[in-house]
């Protein structure tokens, strides 16, 4: 029940060390390998890695991913989930005769996934007009100034409403009863990159009514089953989290590969490998959906492809 908000670095460090004191007996670079998530970034991973190394008295670099570059981390790891989401979206849109260039996009969240999804979307020529955090959302009709968001969230660690100090023409909308008002904003593409179950049926109806034609999940399971069904029933191109946000896990694997080789790739090399992985993931979903009669239902394609991969491996291993 530890709440890291408003805690000092020393308090965060002591908690991470206590946590790793128990966790260390259950993990290794050849068993389970934890990585960061909401509220767990390079700082927390560093504290846990240091405690693991102290207890084990060995340098086992691959035991955690999301590490700092000074002690075995990988370039592009912070950007990986957001970039990977856009690589998947690019392929999905292209396969359906569409392009992200010139489209209006809203992105929920303001953490690593959201920030770097925004960065790549802007690089592809999209206009990102809204982002959010747990307190509210900002709407900037002229397009989000990502440098301001990075300063607020990565440097100052403040609330997103501070954006208005730098961009006074933007709007801030407070969350109401724990629900963000970001889905009231019209957009062609919606990228939920904040948290689980942020899009329910009510939000899904707003997204469809506002003219969106594609939804790409950057967070883990941000859409409820009812919301997903509504998207699919209304012809929305839907990129499911289990496939579309795999960039972070994929780059964790690339980080482990570099650790095993005692070698570091350049950011261009890692990014190129990530892009190729996401292209392959989309093609796998697409082919499975087509083969089993699900058309452009990439959620079904991801489920089928994932099941078959595990089932075939289990059968190959025999009864064990």
C-alpha atoms as a PDB file:
ATOM      1  CA  UNK A   1       0.000   0.000   0.000  1.00  0.00           C
ATOM      2  CA  UNK A   2       3.007   2.294  -0.523  1.00  0.00           C
ATOM      3  CA  UNK A   3       1.995   5.527  -2.271  1.00  0.00           C
ATOM      4  CA  UNK A   4       5.041   7.128  -3.940  1.00  0.00           C
ATOM      5  CA  UNK A   5       3.373  10.508  -4.430  1.00  0.00           C
ATOM      6  CA  UNK A   6       5.078  13.285  -2.456  1.00  0.00           C
ATOM      7  CA  UNK A   7       7.713  10.866  -1.138  1.00  0.00           C
ATOM      8  CA  UNK A   8      11.397  11.811  -1.052  1.00  0.00           C
ATOM      9  CA  UNK A   9      14.044  10.045  -3.139  1.00  0.00           C
ATOM     10  CA  UNK A  10      15.316   8.339   0.034  1.00  0.00           C
ATOM     11  CA  UNK A  11      11.849   7.005   0.851  1.00  0.00           C
ATOM     12  CA  UNK A  12      11.428   5.727  -2.713  1.00  0.00           C
ATOM     13  CA  UNK A  13      14.871   4.114  -2.530  1.00  0.00           C
ATOM     14  CA  UNK A  14      14.165   2.355   0.767  1.00  0.00           C
ATOM     15  CA  UNK A  15      10.876   0.979  -0.522  1.00  0.00           C
ATOM     16  CA  UNK A  16      12.489  -0.283  -3.750  1.00  0.00           C
ATOM     17  CA  UNK A  17      15.273  -1.942  -1.767  1.00  0.00           C
ATOM     18  CA  UNK A  18      12.821  -3.637   0.603  1.00  0.00           C
ATOM     19  CA  UNK A  19      10.740  -4.817  -2.335  1.00  0.00           C
ATOM     20  CA  UNK A  20      13.774  -6.279  -4.116  1.00  0.00           C
ATOM     21  CA  UNK A  21      14.964  -8.011  -0.938  1.00  0.00           C
ATOM     22  CA  UNK A  22      11.958 -10.320  -1.293  1.00  0.00           C
ATOM     23  CA  UNK A  23      11.590 -10.267  -5.085  1.00  0.00           C
ATOM     24  CA  UNK A  24      15.204 -11.308  -5.755  1.00  0.00           C
ATOM     25  CA  UNK A  25      14.550 -14.930  -4.800  1.00  0.00           C
ATOM     26  CA  UNK A  26      11.944 -15.237  -7.574  1.00  0.00           C
ATOM     27  CA  UNK A  27      13.745 -13.634 -10.547  1.00  0.00           C
ATOM     28  CA  UNK A  28      16.867 -13.978 -12.687  1.00  0.00           C
ATOM     29  CA  UNK A  29      17.937 -13.134 -16.229  1.00  0.00           C
ATOM     30  CA  UNK A  30      17.085 -16.730 -17.210  1.00  0.00           C
ATOM     31  CA  UNK A  31      13.738 -16.848 -15.366  1.00  0.00           C
ATOM     32  CA  UNK A  32      11.324 -13.954 -14.809  1.00  0.00           C
ATOM     33  CA  UNK A  33      12.593 -10.513 -15.831  1.00  0.00           C
ATOM     34  CA  UNK A  34      10.622  -7.514 -14.478  1.00  0.00           C
ATOM     35  CA  UNK A  35      10.437  -4.143 -16.227  1.00  0.00           C
ATOM     36  CA  UNK A  36       9.040  -0.716 -15.410  1.00  0.00           C
ATOM     37  CA  UNK A  37       5.429   0.409 -15.720  1.00  0.00           C
ATOM     38  CA  UNK A  38       3.208   3.155 -14.307  1.00  0.00           C
ATOM     39  CA  UNK A  39       5.209   4.969 -11.627  1.00  0.00           C
ATOM     40  CA  UNK A  40       8.271   2.774 -12.121  1.00  0.00           C
ATOM     41  CA  UNK A  41      10.913   4.414 -14.287  1.00  0.00           C
ATOM     42  CA  UNK A  42      14.700   4.438 -14.515  1.00  0.00           C
ATOM     43  CA  UNK A  43      15.055   5.777 -10.954  1.00  0.00           C
ATOM     44  CA  UNK A  44      13.091   2.928  -9.380  1.00  0.00           C
ATOM     45  CA  UNK A  45      14.683   0.294 -11.635  1.00  0.00           C
ATOM     46  CA  UNK A  46      18.103   1.644 -10.626  1.00  0.00           C
ATOM     47  CA  UNK A  47      17.360   1.320  -6.914  1.00  0.00           C
ATOM     48  CA  UNK A  48      16.062  -2.233  -7.378  1.00  0.00           C
ATOM     49  CA  UNK A  49      18.973  -3.262  -9.601  1.00  0.00           C
ATOM     50  CA  UNK A  50      21.473  -1.926  -7.065  1.00  0.00           C
ATOM     51  CA  UNK A  51      19.841  -3.921  -4.266  1.00  0.00           C
ATOM     52  CA  UNK A  52      19.737  -7.076  -6.403  1.00  0.00           C
ATOM     53  CA  UNK A  53      23.436  -6.704  -7.190  1.00  0.00           C
ATOM     54  CA  UNK A  54      24.264  -6.140  -3.511  1.00  0.00           C
ATOM     55  CA  UNK A  55      22.376  -9.256  -2.391  1.00  0.00           C
ATOM     56  CA  UNK A  56      23.563 -11.562  -5.190  1.00  0.00           C
ATOM     57  CA  UNK A  57      27.116 -10.176  -5.328  1.00  0.00           C
ATOM     58  CA  UNK A  58      27.137 -10.535  -9.114  1.00  0.00           C
ATOM     59  CA  UNK A  59      26.524  -8.339 -12.155  1.00  0.00           C
ATOM     60  CA  UNK A  60      23.478  -9.954 -13.779  1.00  0.00           C
ATOM     61  CA  UNK A  61      22.535  -7.160 -16.185  1.00  0.00           C
ATOM     62  CA  UNK A  62      19.585  -8.906 -17.830  1.00  0.00           C
ATOM     63  CA  UNK A  63      17.621  -9.397 -14.600  1.00  0.00           C
ATOM     64  CA  UNK A  64      15.752  -6.088 -15.034  1.00  0.00           C
ATOM     65  CA  UNK A  65      14.981  -4.011 -18.107  1.00  0.00           C
ATOM     66  CA  UNK A  66      14.415  -0.297 -18.416  1.00  0.00           C
ATOM     67  CA  UNK A  67      17.791   0.291 -16.780  1.00  0.00           C
ATOM     68  CA  UNK A  68      19.819   3.483 -17.064  1.00  0.00           C
ATOM     69  CA  UNK A  69      22.307   3.696 -19.926  1.00  0.00           C
ATOM     70  CA  UNK A  70      25.224   3.811 -17.468  1.00  0.00           C
ATOM     71  CA  UNK A  71      24.627   0.262 -16.234  1.00  0.00           C
ATOM     72  CA  UNK A  72      23.237  -1.814 -19.081  1.00  0.00           C
ATOM     73  CA  UNK A  73      20.162  -0.006 -20.358  1.00  0.00           C
ATOM     74  CA  UNK A  74      19.207   0.338 -24.003  1.00  0.00           C
ATOM     75  CA  UNK A  75      18.781   3.400 -26.144  1.00  0.00           C
ATOM     76  CA  UNK A  76      15.163   3.923 -27.326  1.00  0.00           C
ATOM     77  CA  UNK A  77      13.761   1.959 -24.336  1.00  0.00           C
ATOM     78  CA  UNK A  78      11.866   4.988 -22.903  1.00  0.00           C
ATOM     79  CA  UNK A  79      10.433   5.756 -26.359  1.00  0.00           C
ATOM     80  CA  UNK A  80       9.762   2.152 -27.344  1.00  0.00           C
ATOM     81  CA  UNK A  81       6.100   1.644 -26.426  1.00  0.00           C
ATOM     82  CA  UNK A  82       4.989   4.960 -27.908  1.00  0.00           C
ATOM     83  CA  UNK A  83       7.071   4.554 -31.055  1.00  0.00           C
ATOM     84  CA  UNK A  84       5.960   0.937 -31.437  1.00  0.00           C
ATOM     85  CA  UNK A  85       2.312   1.952 -31.199  1.00  0.00           C
ATOM     86  CA  UNK A  86       2.749   4.372 -34.088  1.00  0.00           C
ATOM     87  CA  UNK A  87       4.629   1.796 -36.170  1.00  0.00           C
ATOM     88  CA  UNK A  88       1.691  -0.597 -35.695  1.00  0.00           C
ATOM     89  CA  UNK A  89      -0.831   2.166 -36.477  1.00  0.00           C
ATOM     90  CA  UNK A  90       1.103   3.121 -39.604  1.00  0.00           C
ATOM     91  CA  UNK A  91       0.915  -0.454 -40.899  1.00  0.00           C
ATOM     92  CA  UNK A  92      -2.751  -0.888 -39.950  1.00  0.00           C
ATOM     93  CA  UNK A  93      -3.790   2.343 -41.648  1.00  0.00           C
ATOM     94  CA  UNK A  94      -1.689   1.595 -44.727  1.00  0.00           C
ATOM     95  CA  UNK A  95      -3.296  -1.856 -45.048  1.00  0.00           C
ATOM     96  CA  UNK A  96      -6.694  -0.149 -45.101  1.00  0.00           C
ATOM     97  CA  UNK A  97      -5.815   2.603 -47.567  1.00  0.00           C
ATOM     98  CA  UNK A  98      -5.374   5.333 -44.969  1.00  0.00           C
ATOM     99  CA  UNK A  99      -2.544   7.513 -43.662  1.00  0.00           C
ATOM    100  CA  UNK A 100      -1.936   9.274 -40.359  1.00  0.00           C
ATOM    101  CA  UNK A 101      -0.494  12.340 -42.106  1.00  0.00           C
ATOM    102  CA  UNK A 102      -2.774  15.349 -41.738  1.00  0.00           C
ATOM    103  CA  UNK A 103      -5.096  13.607 -39.286  1.00  0.00           C
ATOM    104  CA  UNK A 104      -6.214  15.004 -35.927  1.00  0.00           C
ATOM    105  CA  UNK A 105      -5.168  12.874 -32.951  1.00  0.00           C
ATOM    106  CA  UNK A 106      -5.958  12.835 -29.234  1.00  0.00           C
ATOM    107  CA  UNK A 107      -3.696  10.947 -26.831  1.00  0.00           C
ATOM    108  CA  UNK A 108      -4.652  10.127 -23.257  1.00  0.00           C
ATOM    109  CA  UNK A 109      -1.921  10.204 -20.650  1.00  0.00           C
ATOM    110  CA  UNK A 110       1.287  12.201 -20.372  1.00  0.00           C
ATOM    111  CA  UNK A 111       3.811   9.542 -19.373  1.00  0.00           C
ATOM    112  CA  UNK A 112       6.456   7.864 -21.514  1.00  0.00           C
ATOM    113  CA  UNK A 113       3.978   6.055 -23.767  1.00  0.00           C
ATOM    114  CA  UNK A 114       1.862   9.139 -24.449  1.00  0.00           C
ATOM    115  CA  UNK A 115       4.802  11.526 -24.873  1.00  0.00           C
ATOM    116  CA  UNK A 116       6.633   9.383 -27.395  1.00  0.00           C
ATOM    117  CA  UNK A 117       3.471   8.355 -29.213  1.00  0.00           C
ATOM    118  CA  UNK A 118       2.883  12.090 -29.621  1.00  0.00           C
ATOM    119  CA  UNK A 119       6.458  12.613 -30.808  1.00  0.00           C
ATOM    120  CA  UNK A 120       6.208   9.926 -33.481  1.00  0.00           C
ATOM    121  CA  UNK A 121       2.687  10.974 -34.534  1.00  0.00           C
ATOM    122  CA  UNK A 122       3.912  14.530 -35.079  1.00  0.00           C
ATOM    123  CA  UNK A 123       6.914  13.193 -36.972  1.00  0.00           C
ATOM    124  CA  UNK A 124       4.461  11.384 -39.270  1.00  0.00           C
ATOM    125  CA  UNK A 125       2.589  14.630 -39.918  1.00  0.00           C
ATOM    126  CA  UNK A 126      -0.380  14.180 -37.586  1.00  0.00           C
ATOM    127  CA  UNK A 127      -1.808  17.030 -35.526  1.00  0.00           C
ATOM    128  CA  UNK A 128      -2.046  16.016 -31.862  1.00  0.00           C
ATOM    129  CA  UNK A 129      -4.544  18.372 -30.220  1.00  0.00           C
ATOM    130  CA  UNK A 130      -5.092  16.904 -26.744  1.00  0.00           C
ATOM    131  CA  UNK A 131      -3.307  15.053 -23.938  1.00  0.00           C
ATOM    132  CA  UNK A 132      -4.234  14.335 -20.331  1.00  0.00           C
ATOM    133  CA  UNK A 133      -3.184  13.257 -16.862  1.00  0.00           C
ATOM    134  CA  UNK A 134      -5.150  11.969 -13.878  1.00  0.00           C
ATOM    135  CA  UNK A 135      -6.418  15.469 -13.008  1.00  0.00           C
ATOM    136  CA  UNK A 136      -7.615  16.686 -16.396  1.00  0.00           C
ATOM    137  CA  UNK A 137      -6.823  17.241 -20.054  1.00  0.00           C
ATOM    138  CA  UNK A 138      -5.490  20.010 -22.262  1.00  0.00           C
ATOM    139  CA  UNK A 139      -6.818  20.921 -25.688  1.00  0.00           C
ATOM    140  CA  UNK A 140      -4.643  22.952 -28.042  1.00  0.00           C
ATOM    141  CA  UNK A 141      -6.354  23.513 -31.389  1.00  0.00           C
ATOM    142  CA  UNK A 142      -3.035  24.638 -32.890  1.00  0.00           C
ATOM    143  CA  UNK A 143      -1.380  21.353 -31.962  1.00  0.00           C
ATOM    144  CA  UNK A 144       0.326  20.202 -28.767  1.00  0.00           C
ATOM    145  CA  UNK A 145       3.745  21.745 -28.097  1.00  0.00           C
ATOM    146  CA  UNK A 146       5.548  18.583 -27.035  1.00  0.00           C
ATOM    147  CA  UNK A 147       8.593  20.425 -25.697  1.00  0.00           C
ATOM    148  CA  UNK A 148       6.341  22.056 -23.093  1.00  0.00           C
ATOM    149  CA  UNK A 149       4.814  18.695 -22.128  1.00  0.00           C
ATOM    150  CA  UNK A 150       8.278  17.162 -21.731  1.00  0.00           C
ATOM    151  CA  UNK A 151       9.404  20.047 -19.527  1.00  0.00           C
ATOM    152  CA  UNK A 152       6.315  19.721 -17.318  1.00  0.00           C
ATOM    153  CA  UNK A 153       6.267  15.938 -17.022  1.00  0.00           C
ATOM    154  CA  UNK A 154       9.876  14.791 -17.402  1.00  0.00           C
ATOM    155  CA  UNK A 155      11.701  17.677 -15.718  1.00  0.00           C
ATOM    156  CA  UNK A 156       9.336  19.497 -13.364  1.00  0.00           C
ATOM    157  CA  UNK A 157       7.067  16.476 -12.652  1.00  0.00           C
ATOM    158  CA  UNK A 158       4.049  18.788 -12.466  1.00  0.00           C
ATOM    159  CA  UNK A 159       0.409  18.549 -13.513  1.00  0.00           C
ATOM    160  CA  UNK A 160      -0.547  18.979 -17.147  1.00  0.00           C
ATOM    161  CA  UNK A 161      -2.585  22.118 -16.422  1.00  0.00           C
ATOM    162  CA  UNK A 162       0.775  23.936 -16.168  1.00  0.00           C
ATOM    163  CA  UNK A 163       0.764  23.754 -19.989  1.00  0.00           C
ATOM    164  CA  UNK A 164      -1.459  26.841 -20.049  1.00  0.00           C
ATOM    165  CA  UNK A 165       1.334  28.995 -18.608  1.00  0.00           C
ATOM    166  CA  UNK A 166       3.354  28.422 -21.781  1.00  0.00           C
ATOM    167  CA  UNK A 167       0.377  28.159 -24.157  1.00  0.00           C
ATOM    168  CA  UNK A 168      -2.346  30.484 -22.768  1.00  0.00           C
ATOM    169  CA  UNK A 169      -4.611  29.940 -25.788  1.00  0.00           C
ATOM    170  CA  UNK A 170      -4.991  26.253 -24.927  1.00  0.00           C
ATOM    171  CA  UNK A 171      -7.894  24.938 -22.828  1.00  0.00           C
ATOM    172  CA  UNK A 172      -7.729  22.901 -19.624  1.00  0.00           C
ATOM    173  CA  UNK A 173     -10.646  20.638 -18.731  1.00  0.00           C
ATOM    174  CA  UNK A 174     -10.769  19.209 -15.216  1.00  0.00           C
ATOM    175  CA  UNK A 175     -11.669  15.536 -14.854  1.00  0.00           C
ATOM    176  CA  UNK A 176     -15.198  15.042 -13.548  1.00  0.00           C
ATOM    177  CA  UNK A 177     -15.997  12.204 -11.112  1.00  0.00           C
ATOM    178  CA  UNK A 178     -12.728  10.524 -12.055  1.00  0.00           C
ATOM    179  CA  UNK A 179     -13.510  10.610 -15.776  1.00  0.00           C
ATOM    180  CA  UNK A 180     -11.493  12.569 -18.314  1.00  0.00           C
ATOM    181  CA  UNK A 181     -13.280  14.968 -20.653  1.00  0.00           C
ATOM    182  CA  UNK A 182     -10.740  14.339 -23.398  1.00  0.00           C
ATOM    183  CA  UNK A 183     -13.157  12.080 -25.279  1.00  0.00           C
ATOM    184  CA  UNK A 184     -15.492  15.045 -25.840  1.00  0.00           C
ATOM    185  CA  UNK A 185     -12.901  16.384 -28.290  1.00  0.00           C
ATOM    186  CA  UNK A 186     -13.287  15.583 -31.992  1.00  0.00           C
ATOM    187  CA  UNK A 187     -10.461  13.582 -33.555  1.00  0.00           C
ATOM    188  CA  UNK A 188      -9.761  11.226 -36.441  1.00  0.00           C
ATOM    189  CA  UNK A 189      -7.571   8.916 -34.355  1.00  0.00           C
ATOM    190  CA  UNK A 190      -7.669   8.177 -30.621  1.00  0.00           C
ATOM    191  CA  UNK A 191      -4.646   6.728 -28.820  1.00  0.00           C
ATOM    192  CA  UNK A 192      -5.433   5.740 -25.208  1.00  0.00           C
ATOM    193  CA  UNK A 193      -2.030   5.670 -23.491  1.00  0.00           C
ATOM    194  CA  UNK A 194      -2.936   6.312 -19.850  1.00  0.00           C
ATOM    195  CA  UNK A 195      -4.341   3.404 -17.875  1.00  0.00           C
ATOM    196  CA  UNK A 196      -6.569   0.336 -17.773  1.00  0.00           C
ATOM    197  CA  UNK A 197     -10.313   0.656 -18.498  1.00  0.00           C
ATOM    198  CA  UNK A 198     -10.188   4.377 -19.274  1.00  0.00           C
ATOM    199  CA  UNK A 199     -12.541   3.829 -22.234  1.00  0.00           C
ATOM    200  CA  UNK A 200     -15.892   2.325 -21.323  1.00  0.00           C
ATOM    201  CA  UNK A 201     -19.003   2.080 -23.471  1.00  0.00           C
ATOM    202  CA  UNK A 202     -19.928   5.717 -22.772  1.00  0.00           C
ATOM    203  CA  UNK A 203     -16.507   6.952 -23.909  1.00  0.00           C
ATOM    204  CA  UNK A 204     -16.552   4.643 -26.939  1.00  0.00           C
ATOM    205  CA  UNK A 205     -19.862   6.135 -28.071  1.00  0.00           C
ATOM    206  CA  UNK A 206     -18.395   9.639 -27.792  1.00  0.00           C
ATOM    207  CA  UNK A 207     -15.326   8.636 -29.807  1.00  0.00           C
ATOM    208  CA  UNK A 208     -17.445   7.181 -32.618  1.00  0.00           C
ATOM    209  CA  UNK A 209     -19.893  10.112 -32.563  1.00  0.00           C
ATOM    210  CA  UNK A 210     -16.972  12.540 -32.852  1.00  0.00           C
ATOM    211  CA  UNK A 211     -15.908  10.976 -36.136  1.00  0.00           C
ATOM    212  CA  UNK A 212     -12.878   8.875 -35.211  1.00  0.00           C
ATOM    213  CA  UNK A 213     -12.027   6.073 -37.630  1.00  0.00           C
ATOM    214  CA  UNK A 214      -9.171   4.411 -35.695  1.00  0.00           C
ATOM    215  CA  UNK A 215      -8.249   3.618 -32.093  1.00  0.00           C
ATOM    216  CA  UNK A 216      -4.799   2.391 -31.054  1.00  0.00           C
ATOM    217  CA  UNK A 217      -4.179   1.118 -27.532  1.00  0.00           C
ATOM    218  CA  UNK A 218      -0.876   2.262 -26.050  1.00  0.00           C
ATOM    219  CA  UNK A 219      -1.775   1.499 -22.429  1.00  0.00           C
ATOM    220  CA  UNK A 220      -2.460  -1.992 -21.104  1.00  0.00           C
ATOM    221  CA  UNK A 221      -6.133  -2.846 -21.707  1.00  0.00           C
ATOM    222  CA  UNK A 222      -7.390   0.763 -21.761  1.00  0.00           C
ATOM    223  CA  UNK A 223     -10.707  -0.245 -23.382  1.00  0.00           C
ATOM    224  CA  UNK A 224     -13.357  -2.387 -21.719  1.00  0.00           C
ATOM    225  CA  UNK A 225     -14.838  -5.349 -23.589  1.00  0.00           C
ATOM    226  CA  UNK A 226     -18.052  -3.378 -24.150  1.00  0.00           C
ATOM    227  CA  UNK A 227     -16.097  -0.489 -25.647  1.00  0.00           C
ATOM    228  CA  UNK A 228     -14.124  -2.784 -27.942  1.00  0.00           C
ATOM    229  CA  UNK A 229     -17.309  -4.460 -29.175  1.00  0.00           C
ATOM    230  CA  UNK A 230     -18.817  -1.047 -29.910  1.00  0.00           C
ATOM    231  CA  UNK A 231     -15.721  -0.013 -31.867  1.00  0.00           C
ATOM    232  CA  UNK A 232     -15.754  -3.181 -33.953  1.00  0.00           C
ATOM    233  CA  UNK A 233     -19.523  -3.040 -34.534  1.00  0.00           C
ATOM    234  CA  UNK A 234     -19.130   0.515 -35.843  1.00  0.00           C
ATOM    235  CA  UNK A 235     -16.285  -0.217 -38.245  1.00  0.00           C
ATOM    236  CA  UNK A 236     -13.522   1.423 -36.220  1.00  0.00           C
ATOM    237  CA  UNK A 237     -10.020   0.210 -37.075  1.00  0.00           C
ATOM    238  CA  UNK A 238      -8.922  -1.103 -33.688  1.00  0.00           C
ATOM    239  CA  UNK A 239      -5.295  -1.804 -32.715  1.00  0.00           C
ATOM    240  CA  UNK A 240      -5.409  -3.970 -29.553  1.00  0.00           C
ATOM    241  CA  UNK A 241      -2.940  -3.388 -26.730  1.00  0.00           C
ATOM    242  CA  UNK A 242      -1.698  -6.980 -26.708  1.00  0.00           C
ATOM    243  CA  UNK A 243      -0.202  -6.294 -30.144  1.00  0.00           C
ATOM    244  CA  UNK A 244       0.025  -2.529 -30.596  1.00  0.00           C
ATOM    245  CA  UNK A 245       1.839  -1.720 -27.350  1.00  0.00           C
ATOM    246  CA  UNK A 246       4.343  -4.569 -27.615  1.00  0.00           C
ATOM    247  CA  UNK A 247       7.155  -2.151 -28.469  1.00  0.00           C
ATOM    248  CA  UNK A 248       8.189  -1.752 -24.843  1.00  0.00           C
ATOM    249  CA  UNK A 249       8.450  -5.479 -24.199  1.00  0.00           C
ATOM    250  CA  UNK A 250      10.162  -5.976 -27.560  1.00  0.00           C
ATOM    251  CA  UNK A 251      12.809  -3.403 -26.699  1.00  0.00           C
ATOM    252  CA  UNK A 252      13.231  -4.987 -23.273  1.00  0.00           C
ATOM    253  CA  UNK A 253      14.157  -8.150 -25.177  1.00  0.00           C
ATOM    254  CA  UNK A 254      16.569  -6.105 -27.292  1.00  0.00           C
ATOM    255  CA  UNK A 255      18.046  -4.700 -24.072  1.00  0.00           C
ATOM    256  CA  UNK A 256      18.543  -8.242 -22.753  1.00  0.00           C
ATOM    257  CA  UNK A 257      20.198  -9.234 -26.034  1.00  0.00           C
ATOM    258  CA  UNK A 258      22.661  -6.372 -25.693  1.00  0.00           C
ATOM    259  CA  UNK A 259      23.327  -7.365 -22.070  1.00  0.00           C
ATOM    260  CA  UNK A 260      24.066 -10.946 -23.141  1.00  0.00           C
ATOM    261  CA  UNK A 261      26.488  -9.753 -25.814  1.00  0.00           C
ATOM    262  CA  UNK A 262      28.102  -7.158 -23.519  1.00  0.00           C
ATOM    263  CA  UNK A 263      27.522  -4.753 -26.393  1.00  0.00           C
ATOM    264  CA  UNK A 264      25.364  -1.688 -27.099  1.00  0.00           C
ATOM    265  CA  UNK A 265      23.580  -0.842 -30.329  1.00  0.00           C
ATOM    266  CA  UNK A 266      23.074   2.719 -31.543  1.00  0.00           C
ATOM    267  CA  UNK A 267      19.650   4.325 -31.231  1.00  0.00           C
ATOM    268  CA  UNK A 268      19.208   3.969 -34.998  1.00  0.00           C
ATOM    269  CA  UNK A 269      19.928   0.238 -34.815  1.00  0.00           C
ATOM    270  CA  UNK A 270      17.506  -0.333 -31.939  1.00  0.00           C
ATOM    271  CA  UNK A 271      14.797   1.767 -33.594  1.00  0.00           C
ATOM    272  CA  UNK A 272      15.182  -0.109 -36.879  1.00  0.00           C
ATOM    273  CA  UNK A 273      14.847  -3.457 -35.092  1.00  0.00           C
ATOM    274  CA  UNK A 274      11.798  -2.184 -33.167  1.00  0.00           C
ATOM    275  CA  UNK A 275      10.144  -1.009 -36.384  1.00  0.00           C
ATOM    276  CA  UNK A 276      10.724  -4.408 -38.010  1.00  0.00           C
ATOM    277  CA  UNK A 277       9.287  -6.208 -34.963  1.00  0.00           C
ATOM    278  CA  UNK A 278       6.115  -4.090 -34.992  1.00  0.00           C
ATOM    279  CA  UNK A 279       5.664  -4.586 -38.746  1.00  0.00           C
ATOM    280  CA  UNK A 280       5.919  -8.344 -38.195  1.00  0.00           C
ATOM    281  CA  UNK A 281       3.435  -8.225 -35.296  1.00  0.00           C
ATOM    282  CA  UNK A 282       0.898  -6.408 -37.447  1.00  0.00           C
ATOM    283  CA  UNK A 283       1.357  -8.837 -40.337  1.00  0.00           C
ATOM    284  CA  UNK A 284       0.892 -11.770 -37.963  1.00  0.00           C
ATOM    285  CA  UNK A 285      -2.381 -10.294 -36.641  1.00  0.00           C
ATOM    286  CA  UNK A 286      -3.538  -9.446 -40.152  1.00  0.00           C
ATOM    287  CA  UNK A 287      -2.809 -12.890 -41.576  1.00  0.00           C
ATOM    288  CA  UNK A 288      -4.451 -14.752 -38.673  1.00  0.00           C
ATOM    289  CA  UNK A 289      -7.569 -12.567 -38.850  1.00  0.00           C
ATOM    290  CA  UNK A 290      -7.832 -13.129 -42.595  1.00  0.00           C
ATOM    291  CA  UNK A 291      -7.169 -16.877 -42.435  1.00  0.00           C
ATOM    292  CA  UNK A 292      -9.863 -17.479 -39.815  1.00  0.00           C
ATOM    293  CA  UNK A 293     -12.484 -15.224 -41.403  1.00  0.00           C
ATOM    294  CA  UNK A 294     -12.286 -12.180 -39.133  1.00  0.00           C
ATOM    295  CA  UNK A 295     -11.421  -9.597 -41.796  1.00  0.00           C
ATOM    296  CA  UNK A 296      -9.943  -6.476 -40.208  1.00  0.00           C
ATOM    297  CA  UNK A 297     -10.629  -7.604 -36.637  1.00  0.00           C
ATOM    298  CA  UNK A 298      -7.013  -7.405 -35.479  1.00  0.00           C
ATOM    299  CA  UNK A 299      -8.009  -8.236 -31.904  1.00  0.00           C
ATOM    300  CA  UNK A 300      -9.214 -11.647 -33.070  1.00  0.00           C
ATOM    301  CA  UNK A 301      -6.074 -11.987 -35.176  1.00  0.00           C
ATOM    302  CA  UNK A 302      -3.845 -11.211 -32.186  1.00  0.00           C
ATOM    303  CA  UNK A 303      -5.731 -13.658 -29.952  1.00  0.00           C
ATOM    304  CA  UNK A 304      -5.576 -16.470 -32.498  1.00  0.00           C
ATOM    305  CA  UNK A 305      -1.923 -15.923 -33.393  1.00  0.00           C
ATOM    306  CA  UNK A 306      -0.921 -15.709 -29.734  1.00  0.00           C
ATOM    307  CA  UNK A 307      -2.843 -18.850 -28.802  1.00  0.00           C
ATOM    308  CA  UNK A 308      -1.423 -20.847 -31.694  1.00  0.00           C
ATOM    309  CA  UNK A 309       2.148 -19.836 -30.863  1.00  0.00           C
ATOM    310  CA  UNK A 310       1.809 -20.993 -27.252  1.00  0.00           C
ATOM    311  CA  UNK A 311      -0.230 -24.108 -28.077  1.00  0.00           C
ATOM    312  CA  UNK A 312       2.174 -25.263 -30.785  1.00  0.00           C
ATOM    313  CA  UNK A 313       5.153 -24.785 -28.461  1.00  0.00           C
ATOM    314  CA  UNK A 314       3.418 -26.753 -25.696  1.00  0.00           C
ATOM    315  CA  UNK A 315       2.610 -29.596 -28.071  1.00  0.00           C
ATOM    316  CA  UNK A 316       6.193 -29.649 -29.318  1.00  0.00           C
ATOM    317  CA  UNK A 317       7.445 -29.936 -25.726  1.00  0.00           C
ATOM    318  CA  UNK A 318       5.266 -32.957 -25.074  1.00  0.00           C
ATOM    319  CA  UNK A 319       3.486 -33.792 -21.822  1.00  0.00           C
ATOM    320  CA  UNK A 320       5.695 -32.153 -19.181  1.00  0.00           C
END
